[in-house]
Amino acid sequence: MRPRLEKLHGEINKTLENIINEHKEYKRAATTHRQDYEVDDLVDILLRIQARGELEFPLTTNNIKAVNLVSTLVLFQKQMLA
């Protein structure tokens, strides 16, 4: 059971990392090409806070992954209960 959980953890971590990297790249490309960036979502806001250092403590990429994972699970749960 443990190896399966570790494999799942690795897959989830990789997926969350990809989401963050895609947001960074999309924002970078939009800025480079002077395009208007659409509405910021939660990941964008957290990345902006991280970049600006607006908190009293450092906001790590792992913190952003955790918030993203929890918010996704909450939305999923709400959909299942509806």
Protein backbone atom coordinates (compact mmCIF):
# COMPACT_ATOMS: atom_id res chain seq x y z
CA MET A 1 0.00 0.00 0.00
CA ARG A 2 2.79 2.45 0.87
CA PRO A 3 4.48 2.26 -2.57
CA ARG A 4 1.14 2.95 -4.25
CA LEU A 5 0.54 5.97 -2.01
CA GLU A 6 4.04 7.29 -2.67
CA LYS A 7 3.50 6.88 -6.42
CA LEU A 8 0.17 8.71 -6.19
CA HIS A 9 1.78 11.47 -4.15
CA GLY A 10 4.46 11.88 -6.82
CA GLU A 11 1.86 12.07 -9.59
CA ILE A 12 -0.23 14.65 -7.73
CA ASN A 13 2.88 16.70 -6.92
CA LYS A 14 3.95 16.64 -10.57
CA THR A 15 0.48 17.71 -11.71
CA LEU A 16 0.38 20.60 -9.24
CA GLU A 17 3.88 21.66 -10.28
CA ASN A 18 2.78 21.64 -13.93
CA ILE A 19 -0.25 23.80 -13.10
CA ILE A 20 1.96 26.37 -11.39
CA ASN A 21 4.51 26.35 -14.23
CA GLU A 22 1.75 26.77 -16.83
CA HIS A 23 0.40 29.79 -14.96
CA LYS A 24 3.86 31.33 -14.76
CA GLU A 25 4.55 30.73 -18.45
CA TYR A 26 1.15 32.01 -19.58
CA LYS A 27 1.58 35.17 -17.52
CA ARG A 28 5.14 35.64 -18.85
CA ALA A 29 4.02 35.16 -22.46
CA ALA A 30 1.09 37.56 -22.05
CA THR A 31 3.42 40.20 -20.58
CA THR A 32 6.06 39.68 -23.28
CA HIS A 33 3.51 40.04 -26.08
CA ARG A 34 1.73 42.90 -24.31
CA GLN A 35 -1.51 40.98 -24.29
CA ASP A 36 -4.16 41.52 -21.71
CA TYR A 37 -4.16 38.72 -19.22
CA GLU A 38 -7.58 37.40 -18.43
CA VAL A 39 -8.98 37.20 -14.92
CA ASP A 40 -6.55 36.02 -12.26
CA ASP A 41 -7.49 32.83 -10.50
CA LEU A 42 -6.35 31.55 -7.12
CA VAL A 43 -3.00 30.25 -8.40
CA ASP A 44 -2.24 33.57 -10.11
CA ILE A 45 -3.03 35.52 -6.95
CA LEU A 46 -0.87 33.26 -4.80
CA LEU A 47 2.01 33.48 -7.28
CA ARG A 48 1.76 37.27 -7.26
CA ILE A 49 1.81 37.33 -3.45
CA GLN A 50 4.80 34.99 -3.50
CA ALA A 51 6.69 37.15 -6.00
CA ARG A 52 6.01 40.38 -4.13
CA GLY A 53 6.72 38.93 -0.69
CA GLU A 54 3.54 40.52 0.67
CA LEU A 55 3.24 38.24 3.67
CA GLU A 56 5.11 38.20 6.96
CA PHE A 57 6.31 34.71 6.09
CA PRO A 58 7.57 33.26 2.80
CA LEU A 59 4.89 31.69 0.61
CA THR A 60 6.55 28.62 -0.88
CA THR A 61 5.59 26.73 -3.99
CA ASN A 62 4.62 23.82 -1.73
CA ASN A 63 2.24 26.16 0.13
CA ILE A 64 0.63 27.11 -3.18
CA LYS A 65 0.34 23.45 -4.18
CA ALA A 66 -1.34 22.64 -0.87
CA VAL A 67 -3.87 25.46 -1.18
CA ASN A 68 -4.61 24.43 -4.75
CA LEU A 69 -5.09 20.80 -3.77
CA VAL A 70 -7.35 21.59 -0.83
CA SER A 71 -9.47 24.05 -2.84
CA THR A 72 -9.87 21.44 -5.58
CA LEU A 73 -10.93 18.80 -3.06
CA VAL A 74 -13.46 21.19 -1.47
CA LEU A 75 -14.98 21.98 -4.89
CA PHE A 76 -15.10 18.29 -5.73
CA GLN A 77 -16.82 17.51 -2.44
CA LYS A 78 -19.40 20.26 -3.01
CA GLN A 79 -20.17 18.84 -6.44
CA MET A 80 -20.57 15.34 -5.03
CA LEU A 81 -23.00 16.58 -2.37
CA ALA A 82 -25.07 18.66 -4.78
